[in-house]
Amino acid sequence: MISDIKKFKIEDCRPGFLGHWIFYMIGALNDVKEFKKEKINVCFDNENFTIIQKQTFEILKNRINVVPKDENFIFIPAVKTRTSLWSYFKKINYEIIFEKIKPESIKNYIFFFKLLFKKIFLNDDAFIEKKYFIFLRKLFSEEIKDLNIQGFDKIFIKREGSEKNDGNVADGKLKRRQILNENEIANVVTKFGYKVIQLENYDLKDKIKIFFNAKSIMGANGGGMAFLFMSKPGTKYIEIAPKEPHQWIDHYKQMSKLFQFKFYRYDDVKKVDEFDNMIVDPEKFKIYLKNII
């Protein structure tokens, strides 16, 4: 039964980004007490829905009814990330900092505190409360009756071209966190038995099934990894990212701990620009894989 009185508007949080849509907006349904008891009406500020949004509505059709927006709604805030101050302190290279500080130079002390401020307050490292990952896992598991799919035991996810996908247009089709020599790396991983896939070629339901069935998942840190919350305990997750990214995204590391995945981060890469695009040395990566697979 759908309530004829209540309509819930989920706060817009750049739904063109896949991770934002799943984590911050669909995750917000966890904070609607009525959602736990009945099918609810939901509306959005931006009604120009992406393919991924439309496919989400189809999967959740027994739980939500998407209706036109008007002035009569109950506002539901998007999920917010929480900053972990301790994580900032862990990332500071104190040895380098104190090498620059000399007791006789006040300028060096000023340098230290400016750097400390930048590391703590201007970094984008954040985490999502685990209850939202648990909620999303339960929600999609209940609404997709058959989660089985064959042929995706070990997958390498390509990001090349992800900026052109209709479901990920919020950044103006700008490349972010891509391996610029991805085809070379794809050739390496296929020799280790990995299937190279591009998530844009699969609908949302199949994306979720792929993550549910995969035993080993590898690729650059990106929004496509959002469905890691569907993976099973013991899944091996190998993330590729620069050592000093402009934007720390530790959601997948956090998920790995929560759901007992085997987490690996390969960061011996050459960062080429401010958007964390990178080049990975194929020979070095091959040696790395031999040691962990």
C-alpha atoms as a PDB file:
ATOM      1  CA  MET A   1       0.000   0.000   0.000  1.00  0.00           C
ATOM      2  CA  ILE A   2       1.297   3.480  -0.904  1.00  0.00           C
ATOM      3  CA  SER A   3       0.600   6.398   1.377  1.00  0.00           C
ATOM      4  CA  ASP A   4      -1.498   9.042  -0.417  1.00  0.00           C
ATOM      5  CA  ILE A   5      -0.434  11.696   2.043  1.00  0.00           C
ATOM      6  CA  LYS A   6       3.315  11.545   2.349  1.00  0.00           C
ATOM      7  CA  LYS A   7       5.820  12.259  -0.356  1.00  0.00           C
ATOM      8  CA  PHE A   8       9.555  12.153   0.353  1.00  0.00           C
ATOM      9  CA  LYS A   9      12.061  14.268  -1.550  1.00  0.00           C
ATOM     10  CA  ILE A  10      15.626  12.976  -1.347  1.00  0.00           C
ATOM     11  CA  GLU A  11      18.220  15.719  -1.292  1.00  0.00           C
ATOM     12  CA  ASP A  12      20.022  16.093  -4.595  1.00  0.00           C
ATOM     13  CA  CYS A  13      23.641  14.988  -4.328  1.00  0.00           C
ATOM     14  CA  ARG A  14      24.979  14.988  -7.902  1.00  0.00           C
ATOM     15  CA  PRO A  15      23.221  11.761  -8.952  1.00  0.00           C
ATOM     16  CA  GLY A  16      25.153  11.698 -12.224  1.00  0.00           C
ATOM     17  CA  PHE A  17      28.000  10.223 -10.177  1.00  0.00           C
ATOM     18  CA  LEU A  18      27.210   6.541  -9.679  1.00  0.00           C
ATOM     19  CA  GLY A  19      28.654   6.391  -6.148  1.00  0.00           C
ATOM     20  CA  HIS A  20      26.776   9.517  -5.109  1.00  0.00           C
ATOM     21  CA  TRP A  21      23.499   8.126  -6.407  1.00  0.00           C
ATOM     22  CA  ILE A  22      23.849   4.748  -4.703  1.00  0.00           C
ATOM     23  CA  PHE A  23      25.540   5.715  -1.421  1.00  0.00           C
ATOM     24  CA  TYR A  24      24.182   9.177  -0.703  1.00  0.00           C
ATOM     25  CA  MET A  25      20.711   9.207  -2.260  1.00  0.00           C
ATOM     26  CA  ILE A  26      19.456   5.605  -2.311  1.00  0.00           C
ATOM     27  CA  GLY A  27      21.258   5.063   0.995  1.00  0.00           C
ATOM     28  CA  ALA A  28      19.143   7.897   2.439  1.00  0.00           C
ATOM     29  CA  LEU A  29      16.066   5.645   2.229  1.00  0.00           C
ATOM     30  CA  ASN A  30      17.461   3.960   5.325  1.00  0.00           C
ATOM     31  CA  ASP A  31      16.562   7.115   7.269  1.00  0.00           C
ATOM     32  CA  VAL A  32      12.892   7.015   6.227  1.00  0.00           C
ATOM     33  CA  LYS A  33      11.047   5.069   8.908  1.00  0.00           C
ATOM     34  CA  GLU A  34       8.002   4.599   6.648  1.00  0.00           C
ATOM     35  CA  PHE A  35      10.193   2.865   4.052  1.00  0.00           C
ATOM     36  CA  LYS A  36      10.692  -0.009   6.485  1.00  0.00           C
ATOM     37  CA  LYS A  37       6.938  -0.602   6.664  1.00  0.00           C
ATOM     38  CA  GLU A  38       5.405   0.280   3.309  1.00  0.00           C
ATOM     39  CA  LYS A  39       5.954   1.388  -0.243  1.00  0.00           C
ATOM     40  CA  ILE A  40       6.596   5.130  -0.322  1.00  0.00           C
ATOM     41  CA  ASN A  41       6.304   7.993  -2.787  1.00  0.00           C
ATOM     42  CA  VAL A  42       9.591   9.710  -3.619  1.00  0.00           C
ATOM     43  CA  CYS A  43      10.427  12.727  -5.744  1.00  0.00           C
ATOM     44  CA  PHE A  44      13.566  14.537  -6.837  1.00  0.00           C
ATOM     45  CA  ASP A  45      14.597  18.064  -7.747  1.00  0.00           C
ATOM     46  CA  ASN A  46      16.165  16.936 -11.005  1.00  0.00           C
ATOM     47  CA  GLU A  47      13.704  14.817 -12.958  1.00  0.00           C
ATOM     48  CA  ASN A  48      15.996  14.349 -15.952  1.00  0.00           C
ATOM     49  CA  PHE A  49      16.847  10.830 -14.795  1.00  0.00           C
ATOM     50  CA  THR A  50      19.905   8.944 -16.005  1.00  0.00           C
ATOM     51  CA  ILE A  51      19.781   5.365 -17.255  1.00  0.00           C
ATOM     52  CA  ILE A  52      21.157   4.132 -13.920  1.00  0.00           C
ATOM     53  CA  GLN A  53      18.466   5.998 -11.989  1.00  0.00           C
ATOM     54  CA  LYS A  54      15.713   4.546 -14.176  1.00  0.00           C
ATOM     55  CA  GLN A  55      17.118   1.045 -13.731  1.00  0.00           C
ATOM     56  CA  THR A  56      17.250   1.610  -9.958  1.00  0.00           C
ATOM     57  CA  PHE A  57      13.579   2.600  -9.961  1.00  0.00           C
ATOM     58  CA  GLU A  58      12.735  -0.590 -11.847  1.00  0.00           C
ATOM     59  CA  ILE A  59      14.579  -2.764  -9.314  1.00  0.00           C
ATOM     60  CA  LEU A  60      12.933  -0.966  -6.385  1.00  0.00           C
ATOM     61  CA  LYS A  61       9.472  -0.739  -7.957  1.00  0.00           C
ATOM     62  CA  ASN A  62       7.931  -2.726  -5.098  1.00  0.00           C
ATOM     63  CA  ARG A  63       9.434  -0.354  -2.532  1.00  0.00           C
ATOM     64  CA  ILE A  64       9.236   3.138  -4.028  1.00  0.00           C
ATOM     65  CA  ASN A  65       6.919   4.992  -6.357  1.00  0.00           C
ATOM     66  CA  VAL A  66       8.585   7.905  -8.208  1.00  0.00           C
ATOM     67  CA  VAL A  67       6.165  10.808  -8.489  1.00  0.00           C
ATOM     68  CA  PRO A  68       6.435  14.371  -9.857  1.00  0.00           C
ATOM     69  CA  LYS A  69       7.818  16.964  -7.481  1.00  0.00           C
ATOM     70  CA  ASP A  70       5.688  19.723  -6.015  1.00  0.00           C
ATOM     71  CA  GLU A  71       5.731  21.862  -2.885  1.00  0.00           C
ATOM     72  CA  ASN A  72       4.244  19.185  -0.621  1.00  0.00           C
ATOM     73  CA  PHE A  73       7.001  16.859   0.497  1.00  0.00           C
ATOM     74  CA  ILE A  74       9.026  15.662   3.453  1.00  0.00           C
ATOM     75  CA  PHE A  75      12.685  16.473   2.891  1.00  0.00           C
ATOM     76  CA  ILE A  76      15.154  13.604   3.319  1.00  0.00           C
ATOM     77  CA  PRO A  77      18.823  14.663   3.619  1.00  0.00           C
ATOM     78  CA  ALA A  78      21.330  12.748   1.518  1.00  0.00           C
ATOM     79  CA  VAL A  79      23.778  10.552   3.394  1.00  0.00           C
ATOM     80  CA  LYS A  80      26.755  12.583   4.581  1.00  0.00           C
ATOM     81  CA  THR A  81      30.326  11.409   4.854  1.00  0.00           C
ATOM     82  CA  ARG A  82      32.041  11.722   8.210  1.00  0.00           C
ATOM     83  CA  THR A  83      35.594  12.989   8.451  1.00  0.00           C
ATOM     84  CA  SER A  84      38.082  10.833  10.325  1.00  0.00           C
ATOM     85  CA  LEU A  85      40.641  13.213  11.841  1.00  0.00           C
ATOM     86  CA  TRP A  86      42.843  10.335  12.875  1.00  0.00           C
ATOM     87  CA  SER A  87      43.175   9.329   9.233  1.00  0.00           C
ATOM     88  CA  TYR A  88      44.634  12.743   8.435  1.00  0.00           C
ATOM     89  CA  PHE A  89      47.242  12.486  11.139  1.00  0.00           C
ATOM     90  CA  LYS A  90      48.219   9.041   9.849  1.00  0.00           C
ATOM     91  CA  LYS A  91      48.836  10.466   6.366  1.00  0.00           C
ATOM     92  CA  ILE A  92      51.206  13.208   7.503  1.00  0.00           C
ATOM     93  CA  ASN A  93      54.880  12.483   6.890  1.00  0.00           C
ATOM     94  CA  TYR A  94      56.199  13.849  10.160  1.00  0.00           C
ATOM     95  CA  GLU A  95      59.797  12.989   9.362  1.00  0.00           C
ATOM     96  CA  ILE A  96      59.792  15.317   6.355  1.00  0.00           C
ATOM     97  CA  ILE A  97      57.973  18.029   8.287  1.00  0.00           C
ATOM     98  CA  PHE A  98      60.383  18.077  11.208  1.00  0.00           C
ATOM     99  CA  GLU A  99      63.368  18.073   8.891  1.00  0.00           C
ATOM    100  CA  LYS A 100      62.123  21.474   7.713  1.00  0.00           C
ATOM    101  CA  ILE A 101      61.647  22.862  11.212  1.00  0.00           C
ATOM    102  CA  LYS A 102      64.644  24.558  12.848  1.00  0.00           C
ATOM    103  CA  PRO A 103      64.217  26.028  16.330  1.00  0.00           C
ATOM    104  CA  GLU A 104      65.818  29.300  15.261  1.00  0.00           C
ATOM    105  CA  SER A 105      63.360  29.898  12.434  1.00  0.00           C
ATOM    106  CA  ILE A 106      59.824  31.021  13.185  1.00  0.00           C
ATOM    107  CA  LYS A 107      59.001  30.711   9.470  1.00  0.00           C
ATOM    108  CA  ASN A 108      59.443  26.966   9.692  1.00  0.00           C
ATOM    109  CA  TYR A 109      56.981  26.726  12.559  1.00  0.00           C
ATOM    110  CA  ILE A 110      54.464  28.681  10.519  1.00  0.00           C
ATOM    111  CA  PHE A 111      55.086  26.282   7.616  1.00  0.00           C
ATOM    112  CA  PHE A 112      54.413  23.326   9.906  1.00  0.00           C
ATOM    113  CA  PHE A 113      51.057  24.605  11.176  1.00  0.00           C
ATOM    114  CA  LYS A 114      49.929  25.637   7.694  1.00  0.00           C
ATOM    115  CA  LEU A 115      50.684  22.145   6.418  1.00  0.00           C
ATOM    116  CA  LEU A 116      48.959  20.558   9.408  1.00  0.00           C
ATOM    117  CA  PHE A 117      45.859  22.687   8.783  1.00  0.00           C
ATOM    118  CA  LYS A 118      45.821  21.706   5.117  1.00  0.00           C
ATOM    119  CA  LYS A 119      46.129  18.012   5.887  1.00  0.00           C
ATOM    120  CA  ILE A 120      43.361  18.073   8.474  1.00  0.00           C
ATOM    121  CA  PHE A 121      40.768  20.441   7.049  1.00  0.00           C
ATOM    122  CA  LEU A 122      41.314  20.587   3.286  1.00  0.00           C
ATOM    123  CA  ASN A 123      41.730  16.891   2.580  1.00  0.00           C
ATOM    124  CA  ASP A 124      38.676  15.008   1.298  1.00  0.00           C
ATOM    125  CA  ASP A 125      39.224  11.782   3.209  1.00  0.00           C
ATOM    126  CA  ALA A 126      35.917  10.667   4.661  1.00  0.00           C
ATOM    127  CA  PHE A 127      33.910   7.614   5.543  1.00  0.00           C
ATOM    128  CA  ILE A 128      30.280   6.549   5.382  1.00  0.00           C
ATOM    129  CA  GLU A 129      28.544   5.077   8.395  1.00  0.00           C
ATOM    130  CA  LYS A 130      28.507   1.305   8.004  1.00  0.00           C
ATOM    131  CA  LYS A 131      24.746   1.082   8.568  1.00  0.00           C
ATOM    132  CA  TYR A 132      24.225   2.448   5.035  1.00  0.00           C
ATOM    133  CA  PHE A 133      26.363  -0.246   3.401  1.00  0.00           C
ATOM    134  CA  ILE A 134      24.484  -2.899   5.372  1.00  0.00           C
ATOM    135  CA  PHE A 135      21.159  -1.341   4.361  1.00  0.00           C
ATOM    136  CA  LEU A 136      22.057  -1.239   0.651  1.00  0.00           C
ATOM    137  CA  ARG A 137      23.276  -4.828   0.701  1.00  0.00           C
ATOM    138  CA  LYS A 138      20.023  -6.014   2.304  1.00  0.00           C
ATOM    139  CA  LEU A 139      17.830  -3.852   0.056  1.00  0.00           C
ATOM    140  CA  PHE A 140      19.217  -5.034  -3.282  1.00  0.00           C
ATOM    141  CA  SER A 141      19.528  -8.637  -2.103  1.00  0.00           C
ATOM    142  CA  GLU A 142      15.814  -8.653  -1.283  1.00  0.00           C
ATOM    143  CA  GLU A 143      14.661  -6.921  -4.471  1.00  0.00           C
ATOM    144  CA  ILE A 144      16.751  -8.960  -6.936  1.00  0.00           C
ATOM    145  CA  LYS A 145      15.448 -12.462  -6.478  1.00  0.00           C
ATOM    146  CA  ASP A 146      18.058 -14.324  -8.540  1.00  0.00           C
ATOM    147  CA  LEU A 147      21.580 -12.995  -7.980  1.00  0.00           C
ATOM    148  CA  ASN A 148      23.405 -15.713  -9.886  1.00  0.00           C
ATOM    149  CA  ILE A 149      25.447 -14.994 -13.010  1.00  0.00           C
ATOM    150  CA  GLN A 150      28.171 -17.079 -14.623  1.00  0.00           C
ATOM    151  CA  GLY A 151      31.640 -16.261 -15.949  1.00  0.00           C
ATOM    152  CA  PHE A 152      32.723 -13.443 -13.622  1.00  0.00           C
ATOM    153  CA  ASP A 153      34.879 -15.171 -10.998  1.00  0.00           C
ATOM    154  CA  LYS A 154      37.871 -12.867 -11.532  1.00  0.00           C
ATOM    155  CA  ILE A 155      37.259  -9.456 -13.065  1.00  0.00           C
ATOM    156  CA  PHE A 156      39.314  -6.422 -14.013  1.00  0.00           C
ATOM    157  CA  ILE A 157      37.111  -3.351 -14.399  1.00  0.00           C
ATOM    158  CA  LYS A 158      38.152  -0.853 -17.043  1.00  0.00           C
ATOM    159  CA  ARG A 159      37.391   2.834 -16.484  1.00  0.00           C
ATOM    160  CA  GLU A 160      38.322   3.943 -19.986  1.00  0.00           C
ATOM    161  CA  GLY A 161      35.348   5.774 -21.437  1.00  0.00           C
ATOM    162  CA  SER A 162      33.437   5.852 -18.136  1.00  0.00           C
ATOM    163  CA  GLU A 163      33.245   9.637 -18.369  1.00  0.00           C
ATOM    164  CA  LYS A 164      31.097   9.241 -21.510  1.00  0.00           C
ATOM    165  CA  ASN A 165      28.458   7.085 -19.825  1.00  0.00           C
ATOM    166  CA  ASP A 166      24.982   8.547 -19.407  1.00  0.00           C
ATOM    167  CA  GLY A 167      24.995   7.349 -15.823  1.00  0.00           C
ATOM    168  CA  ASN A 168      28.110   9.328 -14.948  1.00  0.00           C
ATOM    169  CA  VAL A 169      27.860  12.760 -16.503  1.00  0.00           C
ATOM    170  CA  ALA A 170      27.997  15.036 -13.491  1.00  0.00           C
ATOM    171  CA  ASP A 171      31.642  15.954 -13.982  1.00  0.00           C
ATOM    172  CA  GLY A 172      31.258  17.252 -17.518  1.00  0.00           C
ATOM    173  CA  LYS A 173      32.747  14.075 -19.034  1.00  0.00           C
ATOM    174  CA  LEU A 174      36.083  14.675 -17.368  1.00  0.00           C
ATOM    175  CA  LYS A 175      38.527  11.805 -16.904  1.00  0.00           C
ATOM    176  CA  ARG A 176      39.216  11.025 -13.266  1.00  0.00           C
ATOM    177  CA  ARG A 177      41.268   8.239 -11.658  1.00  0.00           C
ATOM    178  CA  GLN A 178      41.814   6.473 -14.964  1.00  0.00           C
ATOM    179  CA  ILE A 179      44.751   4.260 -15.900  1.00  0.00           C
ATOM    180  CA  LEU A 180      45.893   5.934 -19.096  1.00  0.00           C
ATOM    181  CA  ASN A 181      47.687   2.797 -20.322  1.00  0.00           C
ATOM    182  CA  GLU A 182      44.777   0.615 -19.263  1.00  0.00           C
ATOM    183  CA  ASN A 183      44.965  -1.672 -22.305  1.00  0.00           C
ATOM    184  CA  GLU A 184      48.526  -2.641 -21.372  1.00  0.00           C
ATOM    185  CA  ILE A 185      47.409  -3.504 -17.845  1.00  0.00           C
ATOM    186  CA  ALA A 186      44.410  -5.389 -19.208  1.00  0.00           C
ATOM    187  CA  ASN A 187      46.817  -7.582 -21.201  1.00  0.00           C
ATOM    188  CA  VAL A 188      48.734  -8.308 -17.994  1.00  0.00           C
ATOM    189  CA  VAL A 189      45.718  -9.297 -15.894  1.00  0.00           C
ATOM    190  CA  THR A 190      44.245 -11.604 -18.543  1.00  0.00           C
ATOM    191  CA  LYS A 191      47.376 -13.737 -18.141  1.00  0.00           C
ATOM    192  CA  PHE A 192      46.381 -14.177 -14.497  1.00  0.00           C
ATOM    193  CA  GLY A 193      42.923 -15.410 -15.465  1.00  0.00           C
ATOM    194  CA  TYR A 194      41.011 -12.139 -15.109  1.00  0.00           C
ATOM    195  CA  LYS A 195      38.111 -11.239 -17.356  1.00  0.00           C
ATOM    196  CA  VAL A 196      38.356  -7.610 -18.522  1.00  0.00           C
ATOM    197  CA  ILE A 197      34.984  -5.873 -18.432  1.00  0.00           C
ATOM    198  CA  GLN A 198      33.554  -2.388 -18.819  1.00  0.00           C
ATOM    199  CA  LEU A 199      30.641  -1.880 -16.438  1.00  0.00           C
ATOM    200  CA  GLU A 200      28.965   0.557 -18.820  1.00  0.00           C
ATOM    201  CA  ASN A 201      28.145  -2.471 -21.004  1.00  0.00           C
ATOM    202  CA  TYR A 202      25.898  -4.010 -18.316  1.00  0.00           C
ATOM    203  CA  ASP A 203      22.620  -2.874 -16.835  1.00  0.00           C
ATOM    204  CA  LEU A 204      22.340  -2.151 -13.121  1.00  0.00           C
ATOM    205  CA  LYS A 205      20.936  -5.547 -12.203  1.00  0.00           C
ATOM    206  CA  ASP A 206      23.787  -7.374 -13.944  1.00  0.00           C
ATOM    207  CA  LYS A 207      26.354  -5.050 -12.358  1.00  0.00           C
ATOM    208  CA  ILE A 208      25.066  -6.062  -8.939  1.00  0.00           C
ATOM    209  CA  LYS A 209      25.073  -9.753  -9.899  1.00  0.00           C
ATOM    210  CA  ILE A 210      28.658  -9.514 -11.168  1.00  0.00           C
ATOM    211  CA  PHE A 211      29.901  -8.115  -7.855  1.00  0.00           C
ATOM    212  CA  PHE A 212      27.870 -10.652  -5.889  1.00  0.00           C
ATOM    213  CA  ASN A 213      29.459 -13.579  -7.740  1.00  0.00           C
ATOM    214  CA  ALA A 214      33.035 -12.355  -8.274  1.00  0.00           C
ATOM    215  CA  LYS A 215      35.737 -13.910  -6.118  1.00  0.00           C
ATOM    216  CA  SER A 216      38.384 -11.359  -7.111  1.00  0.00           C
ATOM    217  CA  ILE A 217      37.826  -7.768  -8.270  1.00  0.00           C
ATOM    218  CA  MET A 218      40.519  -5.447  -9.603  1.00  0.00           C
ATOM    219  CA  GLY A 219      40.639  -1.957 -11.055  1.00  0.00           C
ATOM    220  CA  ALA A 220      41.184   1.733 -10.460  1.00  0.00           C
ATOM    221  CA  ASN A 221      39.374   3.360  -7.578  1.00  0.00           C
ATOM    222  CA  GLY A 222      36.148   4.747  -9.018  1.00  0.00           C
ATOM    223  CA  GLY A 223      32.381   4.948  -8.760  1.00  0.00           C
ATOM    224  CA  GLY A 224      31.898   1.626 -10.534  1.00  0.00           C
ATOM    225  CA  MET A 225      33.285  -0.123  -7.472  1.00  0.00           C
ATOM    226  CA  ALA A 226      30.245   1.092  -5.520  1.00  0.00           C
ATOM    227  CA  PHE A 227      28.639  -2.331  -5.846  1.00  0.00           C
ATOM    228  CA  LEU A 228      31.394  -3.883  -3.782  1.00  0.00           C
ATOM    229  CA  PHE A 229      28.880  -3.821  -0.931  1.00  0.00           C
ATOM    230  CA  MET A 230      27.210  -6.807  -2.646  1.00  0.00           C
ATOM    231  CA  SER A 231      30.351  -8.973  -2.645  1.00  0.00           C
ATOM    232  CA  LYS A 232      30.761 -11.971  -0.378  1.00  0.00           C
ATOM    233  CA  PRO A 233      33.138 -12.340   2.588  1.00  0.00           C
ATOM    234  CA  GLY A 234      36.560 -13.483   1.409  1.00  0.00           C
ATOM    235  CA  THR A 235      36.349 -11.619  -1.907  1.00  0.00           C
ATOM    236  CA  LYS A 236      39.736 -10.276  -2.989  1.00  0.00           C
ATOM    237  CA  TYR A 237      39.646  -6.583  -3.912  1.00  0.00           C
ATOM    238  CA  ILE A 238      42.726  -5.087  -5.586  1.00  0.00           C
ATOM    239  CA  GLU A 239      42.500  -1.319  -5.887  1.00  0.00           C
ATOM    240  CA  ILE A 240      44.815   0.789  -8.063  1.00  0.00           C
ATOM    241  CA  ALA A 241      45.335   4.405  -6.970  1.00  0.00           C
ATOM    242  CA  PRO A 242      48.106   7.035  -6.684  1.00  0.00           C
ATOM    243  CA  LYS A 243      49.988   7.414  -3.403  1.00  0.00           C
ATOM    244  CA  GLU A 244      48.905  11.031  -2.914  1.00  0.00           C
ATOM    245  CA  PRO A 245      45.515  11.461  -4.614  1.00  0.00           C
ATOM    246  CA  HIS A 246      43.849  14.854  -4.594  1.00  0.00           C
ATOM    247  CA  GLN A 247      40.762  13.123  -3.229  1.00  0.00           C
ATOM    248  CA  TRP A 248      41.011  10.253  -0.771  1.00  0.00           C
ATOM    249  CA  ILE A 249      38.204   7.759  -1.290  1.00  0.00           C
ATOM    250  CA  ASP A 250      38.403   5.052   1.330  1.00  0.00           C
ATOM    251  CA  HIS A 251      34.807   3.818   1.085  1.00  0.00           C
ATOM    252  CA  TYR A 252      35.942   0.539  -0.483  1.00  0.00           C
ATOM    253  CA  LYS A 253      38.627  -0.033   2.100  1.00  0.00           C
ATOM    254  CA  GLN A 254      35.984   0.625   4.733  1.00  0.00           C
ATOM    255  CA  MET A 255      33.601  -1.841   3.056  1.00  0.00           C
ATOM    256  CA  SER A 256      36.355  -4.441   2.861  1.00  0.00           C
ATOM    257  CA  LYS A 257      36.811  -4.318   6.613  1.00  0.00           C
ATOM    258  CA  LEU A 258      33.069  -4.404   7.285  1.00  0.00           C
ATOM    259  CA  PHE A 259      32.285  -7.325   4.973  1.00  0.00           C
ATOM    260  CA  GLN A 260      35.589  -9.193   5.471  1.00  0.00           C
ATOM    261  CA  PHE A 261      37.074  -8.781   1.991  1.00  0.00           C
ATOM    262  CA  LYS A 262      40.786  -9.174   1.317  1.00  0.00           C
ATOM    263  CA  PHE A 263      41.831  -5.602   0.544  1.00  0.00           C
ATOM    264  CA  TYR A 264      44.934  -4.669  -1.473  1.00  0.00           C
ATOM    265  CA  ARG A 265      45.941  -1.234  -2.724  1.00  0.00           C
ATOM    266  CA  TYR A 266      48.553  -0.912  -5.465  1.00  0.00           C
ATOM    267  CA  ASP A 267      49.967   2.624  -5.468  1.00  0.00           C
ATOM    268  CA  ASP A 268      53.295   2.253  -7.256  1.00  0.00           C
ATOM    269  CA  VAL A 269      51.967   4.328 -10.161  1.00  0.00           C
ATOM    270  CA  LYS A 270      52.865   7.574 -11.912  1.00  0.00           C
ATOM    271  CA  LYS A 271      50.265  10.248 -11.229  1.00  0.00           C
ATOM    272  CA  VAL A 272      50.068  12.482 -14.309  1.00  0.00           C
ATOM    273  CA  ASP A 273      47.617  15.238 -13.361  1.00  0.00           C
ATOM    274  CA  GLU A 274      45.489  16.777 -10.631  1.00  0.00           C
ATOM    275  CA  PHE A 275      42.592  14.439 -11.393  1.00  0.00           C
ATOM    276  CA  ASP A 276      44.539  11.339 -10.292  1.00  0.00           C
ATOM    277  CA  ASN A 277      44.852   9.897 -13.791  1.00  0.00           C
ATOM    278  CA  MET A 278      47.848   7.591 -13.799  1.00  0.00           C
ATOM    279  CA  ILE A 279      50.232   5.327 -15.696  1.00  0.00           C
ATOM    280  CA  VAL A 280      50.970   1.867 -14.349  1.00  0.00           C
ATOM    281  CA  ASP A 281      54.203   0.091 -15.206  1.00  0.00           C
ATOM    282  CA  PRO A 282      53.105  -3.318 -16.618  1.00  0.00           C
ATOM    283  CA  GLU A 283      56.232  -5.185 -15.504  1.00  0.00           C
ATOM    284  CA  LYS A 284      56.106  -3.879 -11.940  1.00  0.00           C
ATOM    285  CA  PHE A 285      52.414  -4.658 -11.739  1.00  0.00           C
ATOM    286  CA  LYS A 286      53.013  -8.178 -13.013  1.00  0.00           C
ATOM    287  CA  ILE A 287      55.527  -8.795 -10.223  1.00  0.00           C
ATOM    288  CA  TYR A 288      53.081  -7.388  -7.674  1.00  0.00           C
ATOM    289  CA  LEU A 289      50.287  -9.702  -8.839  1.00  0.00           C
ATOM    290  CA  LYS A 290      52.551 -12.743  -8.674  1.00  0.00           C
ATOM    291  CA  ASN A 291      53.108 -12.006  -4.982  1.00  0.00           C
ATOM    292  CA  ILE A 292      49.462 -11.703  -4.003  1.00  0.00           C
ATOM    293  CA  ILE A 293      47.556 -14.041  -6.337  1.00  0.00           C
END
